């Protein structure tokens, strides 16, 4: 897991700890850790105790935001680091409009994936 820098920390409006996510999803914390390990979620170390945190925007009620996993896979395949993925997902894109993370949460994942694929070209 990556230690997050202040620039990225400022881009992400809210964070959740792994136990918070486990509670929201109705699963054990070990299942959330597995989602991170499998690349379906991004977790970074932040705060004084360096606990693992995931952007709150990645959780929609009791599930992971639709399209997030595929988008993360595309970005990873493009060679993005965790920090670069977070920066890309939370930086406003006037053509969407909003951020890619917002677009995913609004079920506009096709556009986000199209932009992620274009990054590889």
N, C-alpha and C. Protein backbone atom coordinates (compact mmCIF):
# COMPACT_ATOMS: atom_id res chain seq x y z
N UNK A 1 0.84 -1.17 0.00
CA UNK A 1 0.00 0.00 0.00
C UNK A 1 0.89 1.24 0.00
N UNK A 2 0.36 2.28 -0.52
CA UNK A 2 1.12 3.50 -0.73
C UNK A 2 0.80 4.54 0.33
N UNK A 3 1.81 5.29 0.71
CA UNK A 3 1.62 6.46 1.58
C UNK A 3 1.21 7.60 0.66
N UNK A 4 0.16 8.30 0.99
CA UNK A 4 -0.38 9.32 0.11
C UNK A 4 0.28 10.67 0.36
N UNK A 5 0.49 11.43 -0.71
CA UNK A 5 1.09 12.75 -0.53
C UNK A 5 -0.02 13.79 -0.35
N UNK A 6 0.36 14.98 0.07
CA UNK A 6 -0.62 16.01 0.41
C UNK A 6 -1.41 16.49 -0.80
N UNK A 7 -0.81 16.48 -1.98
CA UNK A 7 -1.52 16.92 -3.18
C UNK A 7 -2.70 16.00 -3.47
N UNK A 8 -2.46 14.71 -3.44
CA UNK A 8 -3.53 13.74 -3.71
C UNK A 8 -4.54 13.77 -2.57
N UNK A 9 -4.05 13.87 -1.34
CA UNK A 9 -4.94 13.91 -0.19
C UNK A 9 -5.92 15.08 -0.31
N UNK A 10 -5.45 16.21 -0.85
CA UNK A 10 -6.31 17.38 -1.01
C UNK A 10 -7.33 17.19 -2.14
N UNK A 11 -7.01 16.39 -3.14
CA UNK A 11 -7.93 16.15 -4.26
C UNK A 11 -9.13 15.30 -3.86
N UNK A 12 -8.89 14.34 -2.99
CA UNK A 12 -9.95 13.39 -2.59
C UNK A 12 -10.75 14.02 -1.45
N UNK A 13 -12.06 14.24 -1.67
CA UNK A 13 -12.85 14.97 -0.67
C UNK A 13 -13.09 14.21 0.64
N UNK A 14 -13.19 12.87 0.58
CA UNK A 14 -13.49 12.11 1.79
C UNK A 14 -12.89 10.71 1.68
N UNK A 15 -12.50 10.19 2.83
CA UNK A 15 -11.87 8.88 2.90
C UNK A 15 -12.63 7.99 3.87
N UNK A 16 -12.53 6.67 3.66
CA UNK A 16 -13.09 5.68 4.58
C UNK A 16 -12.00 4.68 4.96
N UNK A 17 -12.02 4.24 6.21
CA UNK A 17 -11.11 3.19 6.63
C UNK A 17 -11.66 1.84 6.16
N UNK A 18 -10.83 0.82 6.17
CA UNK A 18 -11.29 -0.50 5.75
C UNK A 18 -12.42 -1.03 6.63
N UNK A 19 -12.37 -0.85 7.97
CA UNK A 19 -13.52 -1.29 8.77
C UNK A 19 -14.81 -0.54 8.42
N UNK A 20 -14.71 0.76 8.08
CA UNK A 20 -15.89 1.51 7.67
C UNK A 20 -16.49 0.92 6.40
N UNK A 21 -15.63 0.58 5.46
CA UNK A 21 -16.10 0.00 4.19
C UNK A 21 -16.72 -1.37 4.44
N UNK A 22 -16.09 -2.16 5.27
CA UNK A 22 -16.62 -3.49 5.59
C UNK A 22 -18.03 -3.37 6.15
N UNK A 23 -18.24 -2.40 7.02
CA UNK A 23 -19.56 -2.18 7.61
C UNK A 23 -20.58 -1.79 6.53
N UNK A 24 -20.19 -0.86 5.65
CA UNK A 24 -21.09 -0.42 4.58
C UNK A 24 -21.44 -1.56 3.63
N UNK A 25 -20.45 -2.39 3.30
CA UNK A 25 -20.67 -3.49 2.36
C UNK A 25 -21.28 -4.72 3.03
N UNK A 26 -21.28 -4.74 4.35
CA UNK A 26 -21.82 -5.89 5.08
C UNK A 26 -20.93 -7.12 4.97
N UNK A 27 -19.61 -6.89 4.96
CA UNK A 27 -18.65 -7.99 4.85
C UNK A 27 -17.59 -7.85 5.94
N UNK A 28 -16.75 -8.85 6.06
CA UNK A 28 -15.63 -8.80 7.00
C UNK A 28 -14.53 -7.89 6.44
N UNK A 29 -13.71 -7.34 7.32
CA UNK A 29 -12.59 -6.50 6.91
C UNK A 29 -11.64 -7.29 6.01
N UNK A 30 -11.49 -8.58 6.25
CA UNK A 30 -10.61 -9.39 5.41
C UNK A 30 -11.08 -9.40 3.96
N UNK A 31 -12.39 -9.34 3.74
CA UNK A 31 -12.93 -9.29 2.37
C UNK A 31 -12.56 -7.97 1.70
N UNK A 32 -12.59 -6.87 2.46
CA UNK A 32 -12.22 -5.56 1.92
C UNK A 32 -10.72 -5.57 1.58
N UNK A 33 -9.92 -6.16 2.45
CA UNK A 33 -8.48 -6.27 2.16
C UNK A 33 -8.25 -7.06 0.88
N UNK A 34 -9.06 -8.09 0.66
CA UNK A 34 -8.94 -8.89 -0.56
C UNK A 34 -9.33 -8.06 -1.79
N UNK A 35 -10.35 -7.21 -1.68
CA UNK A 35 -10.73 -6.32 -2.78
C UNK A 35 -9.58 -5.40 -3.15
N UNK A 36 -8.87 -4.92 -2.13
CA UNK A 36 -7.70 -4.05 -2.37
C UNK A 36 -6.60 -4.87 -3.04
N UNK A 37 -6.32 -6.04 -2.50
CA UNK A 37 -5.28 -6.90 -3.04
C UNK A 37 -5.56 -7.28 -4.49
N UNK A 38 -6.83 -7.52 -4.81
CA UNK A 38 -7.24 -7.91 -6.16
C UNK A 38 -7.30 -6.73 -7.12
N UNK A 39 -7.11 -5.50 -6.61
CA UNK A 39 -7.12 -4.33 -7.47
C UNK A 39 -8.49 -3.77 -7.75
N UNK A 40 -9.50 -4.22 -7.03
CA UNK A 40 -10.85 -3.70 -7.24
C UNK A 40 -11.09 -2.40 -6.48
N UNK A 41 -10.24 -2.13 -5.50
CA UNK A 41 -10.24 -0.88 -4.74
C UNK A 41 -8.79 -0.41 -4.61
N UNK A 42 -8.62 0.88 -4.38
CA UNK A 42 -7.30 1.44 -4.10
C UNK A 42 -7.30 1.86 -2.63
N UNK A 43 -6.30 1.43 -1.90
CA UNK A 43 -6.14 1.84 -0.51
C UNK A 43 -4.77 2.48 -0.35
N UNK A 44 -4.72 3.53 0.44
CA UNK A 44 -3.46 4.21 0.72
C UNK A 44 -3.33 4.43 2.22
N UNK A 45 -2.10 4.58 2.66
CA UNK A 45 -1.85 4.87 4.07
C UNK A 45 -1.85 6.38 4.26
N UNK A 46 -2.61 6.83 5.25
CA UNK A 46 -2.68 8.26 5.52
C UNK A 46 -3.03 8.47 6.98
N UNK A 47 -2.83 9.71 7.42
CA UNK A 47 -3.13 10.06 8.79
C UNK A 47 -1.99 9.73 9.73
N UNK A 48 -2.16 10.14 10.97
CA UNK A 48 -1.11 9.95 11.97
C UNK A 48 -0.77 8.49 12.21
N UNK A 49 -1.80 7.63 12.21
CA UNK A 49 -1.54 6.21 12.50
C UNK A 49 -1.29 5.40 11.22
N UNK A 50 -1.27 6.08 10.07
CA UNK A 50 -0.98 5.44 8.78
C UNK A 50 -1.92 4.28 8.49
N UNK A 51 -3.17 4.44 8.88
CA UNK A 51 -4.18 3.41 8.59
C UNK A 51 -4.52 3.42 7.11
N UNK A 52 -4.96 2.29 6.61
CA UNK A 52 -5.38 2.21 5.21
C UNK A 52 -6.72 2.92 5.03
N UNK A 53 -6.78 3.73 3.97
CA UNK A 53 -8.00 4.46 3.64
C UNK A 53 -8.30 4.30 2.16
N UNK A 54 -9.59 4.32 1.83
CA UNK A 54 -10.07 4.24 0.46
C UNK A 54 -10.93 5.48 0.23
N UNK A 55 -10.85 6.09 -0.96
CA UNK A 55 -11.73 7.23 -1.22
C UNK A 55 -13.20 6.84 -1.03
N UNK A 56 -13.94 7.66 -0.30
CA UNK A 56 -15.36 7.39 -0.03
C UNK A 56 -16.16 7.33 -1.32
N UNK A 57 -15.71 8.05 -2.35
CA UNK A 57 -16.42 8.07 -3.63
C UNK A 57 -16.44 6.70 -4.30
N UNK A 58 -15.62 5.77 -3.85
CA UNK A 58 -15.57 4.44 -4.46
C UNK A 58 -16.65 3.51 -3.92
N UNK A 59 -17.38 3.96 -2.90
CA UNK A 59 -18.42 3.13 -2.29
C UNK A 59 -19.77 3.81 -2.52
N UNK A 60 -20.71 3.05 -3.06
CA UNK A 60 -22.05 3.55 -3.33
C UNK A 60 -23.04 2.74 -2.50
N UNK A 61 -23.42 3.29 -1.36
CA UNK A 61 -24.33 2.57 -0.47
C UNK A 61 -23.68 1.32 0.07
N UNK A 62 -24.18 0.17 -0.40
CA UNK A 62 -23.65 -1.10 0.10
C UNK A 62 -22.87 -1.87 -0.96
N UNK A 63 -22.31 -1.13 -1.93
CA UNK A 63 -21.52 -1.80 -2.96
C UNK A 63 -20.42 -0.88 -3.48
N UNK A 64 -19.46 -1.49 -4.17
CA UNK A 64 -18.40 -0.73 -4.83
C UNK A 64 -19.01 -0.08 -6.06
N UNK A 65 -18.62 1.15 -6.36
CA UNK A 65 -19.16 1.88 -7.50
C UNK A 65 -18.99 1.06 -8.78
N UNK A 66 -20.06 0.97 -9.53
CA UNK A 66 -20.06 0.23 -10.80
C UNK A 66 -19.03 0.84 -11.75
N UNK A 67 -18.24 -0.02 -12.37
CA UNK A 67 -17.26 0.42 -13.35
C UNK A 67 -15.90 0.77 -12.77
N UNK A 68 -15.80 0.87 -11.44
CA UNK A 68 -14.52 1.24 -10.83
C UNK A 68 -13.44 0.20 -11.10
N UNK A 69 -13.76 -1.04 -10.88
CA UNK A 69 -12.77 -2.11 -11.02
C UNK A 69 -12.18 -2.13 -12.43
N UNK A 70 -13.04 -2.05 -13.43
CA UNK A 70 -12.56 -2.05 -14.82
C UNK A 70 -11.71 -0.84 -15.13
N UNK A 71 -12.10 0.31 -14.59
CA UNK A 71 -11.33 1.53 -14.80
C UNK A 71 -9.96 1.41 -14.15
N UNK A 72 -9.91 0.89 -12.94
CA UNK A 72 -8.63 0.71 -12.26
C UNK A 72 -7.73 -0.25 -13.03
N UNK A 73 -8.32 -1.30 -13.60
CA UNK A 73 -7.55 -2.25 -14.39
C UNK A 73 -6.96 -1.57 -15.62
N UNK A 74 -7.76 -0.76 -16.31
CA UNK A 74 -7.26 -0.03 -17.49
C UNK A 74 -6.11 0.89 -17.11
N UNK A 75 -6.27 1.63 -16.02
CA UNK A 75 -5.22 2.56 -15.61
C UNK A 75 -3.95 1.80 -15.21
N UNK A 76 -4.12 0.71 -14.50
CA UNK A 76 -2.97 -0.10 -14.09
C UNK A 76 -2.26 -0.66 -15.32
N UNK A 77 -3.04 -1.12 -16.29
CA UNK A 77 -2.45 -1.64 -17.53
C UNK A 77 -1.72 -0.55 -18.31
N UNK A 78 -2.16 0.70 -18.13
CA UNK A 78 -1.50 1.84 -18.77
C UNK A 78 -0.22 2.24 -18.04
N UNK A 79 0.07 1.56 -16.92
CA UNK A 79 1.30 1.84 -16.17
C UNK A 79 1.15 2.88 -15.08
N UNK A 80 -0.09 3.24 -14.74
CA UNK A 80 -0.32 4.23 -13.70
C UNK A 80 0.03 3.67 -12.33
N UNK A 81 0.63 4.50 -11.49
CA UNK A 81 0.84 4.15 -10.08
C UNK A 81 -0.46 4.45 -9.34
N UNK A 82 -0.53 4.02 -8.10
CA UNK A 82 -1.71 4.31 -7.29
C UNK A 82 -1.94 5.81 -7.19
N UNK A 83 -0.87 6.57 -6.97
CA UNK A 83 -1.00 8.03 -6.87
C UNK A 83 -1.51 8.63 -8.17
N UNK A 84 -0.98 8.16 -9.29
CA UNK A 84 -1.42 8.67 -10.59
C UNK A 84 -2.87 8.32 -10.87
N UNK A 85 -3.29 7.13 -10.46
CA UNK A 85 -4.70 6.74 -10.63
C UNK A 85 -5.61 7.67 -9.83
N UNK A 86 -5.24 7.91 -8.57
CA UNK A 86 -6.05 8.78 -7.74
C UNK A 86 -6.09 10.20 -8.30
N UNK A 87 -4.94 10.68 -8.74
CA UNK A 87 -4.90 12.03 -9.31
C UNK A 87 -5.80 12.11 -10.54
N UNK A 88 -5.73 11.13 -11.42
CA UNK A 88 -6.55 11.14 -12.63
C UNK A 88 -8.04 11.05 -12.29
N UNK A 89 -8.38 10.16 -11.35
CA UNK A 89 -9.78 9.96 -10.99
C UNK A 89 -10.41 11.17 -10.30
N UNK A 90 -9.60 11.96 -9.60
CA UNK A 90 -10.16 13.06 -8.81
C UNK A 90 -9.79 14.45 -9.34
N UNK A 91 -9.22 14.53 -10.52
CA UNK A 91 -8.94 15.82 -11.14
C UNK A 91 -10.09 16.16 -12.08
N UNK A 92 -10.67 17.35 -11.94
CA UNK A 92 -11.79 17.72 -12.80
C UNK A 92 -11.43 17.65 -14.29
N UNK A 93 -12.38 17.12 -15.05
CA UNK A 93 -12.24 17.01 -16.50
C UNK A 93 -13.43 17.75 -17.11
N UNK A 94 -13.20 18.92 -17.71
CA UNK A 94 -14.31 19.72 -18.24
C UNK A 94 -15.10 19.02 -19.34
N UNK A 95 -14.52 18.00 -19.97
CA UNK A 95 -15.25 17.30 -21.03
C UNK A 95 -16.23 16.28 -20.47
N UNK A 96 -16.15 15.94 -19.17
CA UNK A 96 -17.08 14.93 -18.63
C UNK A 96 -18.45 15.51 -18.27
N UNK A 97 -18.73 16.53 -17.65
CA UNK A 97 -17.95 17.38 -16.74
C UNK A 97 -17.80 16.73 -15.37
N UNK A 98 -16.98 17.34 -14.54
CA UNK A 98 -16.69 16.81 -13.22
C UNK A 98 -15.43 15.95 -13.25
N UNK A 99 -15.28 15.15 -12.25
CA UNK A 99 -14.12 14.26 -12.19
C UNK A 99 -14.52 12.88 -12.70
N UNK A 100 -13.56 12.08 -13.14
CA UNK A 100 -13.89 10.71 -13.52
C UNK A 100 -14.56 9.94 -12.37
N UNK A 101 -14.14 10.18 -11.14
CA UNK A 101 -14.76 9.50 -9.99
C UNK A 101 -16.23 9.88 -9.88
N UNK A 102 -16.56 11.15 -10.09
CA UNK A 102 -17.96 11.58 -10.06
C UNK A 102 -18.75 10.92 -11.19
N UNK A 103 -18.15 10.88 -12.36
CA UNK A 103 -18.83 10.27 -13.51
C UNK A 103 -19.11 8.79 -13.24
N UNK A 104 -18.17 8.08 -12.63
CA UNK A 104 -18.41 6.67 -12.29
C UNK A 104 -19.58 6.55 -11.33
N UNK A 105 -19.63 7.41 -10.33
CA UNK A 105 -20.71 7.33 -9.34
C UNK A 105 -22.06 7.71 -9.93
N UNK A 106 -22.04 8.43 -11.06
CA UNK A 106 -23.28 8.81 -11.75
C UNK A 106 -23.61 7.86 -12.89
N UNK A 107 -22.99 6.68 -12.87
CA UNK A 107 -23.23 5.63 -13.87
C UNK A 107 -22.86 6.07 -15.29
N UNK A 108 -21.78 6.85 -15.40
CA UNK A 108 -21.26 7.25 -16.70
C UNK A 108 -19.89 6.61 -16.93
N UNK A 109 -19.81 5.34 -16.57
CA UNK A 109 -18.55 4.61 -16.63
C UNK A 109 -18.01 4.40 -18.03
N UNK A 110 -18.90 4.31 -19.02
CA UNK A 110 -18.44 4.11 -20.39
C UNK A 110 -17.54 5.26 -20.84
N UNK A 111 -17.95 6.48 -20.53
CA UNK A 111 -17.14 7.65 -20.90
C UNK A 111 -15.80 7.65 -20.16
N UNK A 112 -15.84 7.28 -18.90
CA UNK A 112 -14.61 7.25 -18.11
C UNK A 112 -13.66 6.20 -18.68
N UNK A 113 -14.17 5.03 -18.98
CA UNK A 113 -13.32 3.97 -19.54
C UNK A 113 -12.77 4.37 -20.90
N UNK A 114 -13.57 5.05 -21.69
CA UNK A 114 -13.11 5.49 -23.00
C UNK A 114 -11.91 6.43 -22.84
N UNK A 115 -11.99 7.33 -21.88
CA UNK A 115 -10.88 8.26 -21.63
C UNK A 115 -9.65 7.53 -21.08
N UNK A 116 -9.90 6.55 -20.22
CA UNK A 116 -8.79 5.76 -19.67
C UNK A 116 -8.09 4.98 -20.77
N UNK A 117 -8.86 4.42 -21.69
CA UNK A 117 -8.27 3.68 -22.81
C UNK A 117 -7.47 4.60 -23.71
N UNK A 118 -7.94 5.81 -23.89
CA UNK A 118 -7.25 6.79 -24.76
C UNK A 118 -5.89 7.19 -24.18
N UNK A 119 -5.72 7.06 -22.88
CA UNK A 119 -4.45 7.40 -22.25
C UNK A 119 -3.33 6.48 -22.71
N UNK A 120 -3.68 5.28 -23.11
CA UNK A 120 -2.67 4.30 -23.53
C UNK A 120 -2.17 4.56 -24.94
N UNK A 121 -2.92 5.33 -25.70
CA UNK A 121 -2.57 5.57 -27.11
C UNK A 121 -1.48 6.58 -27.25
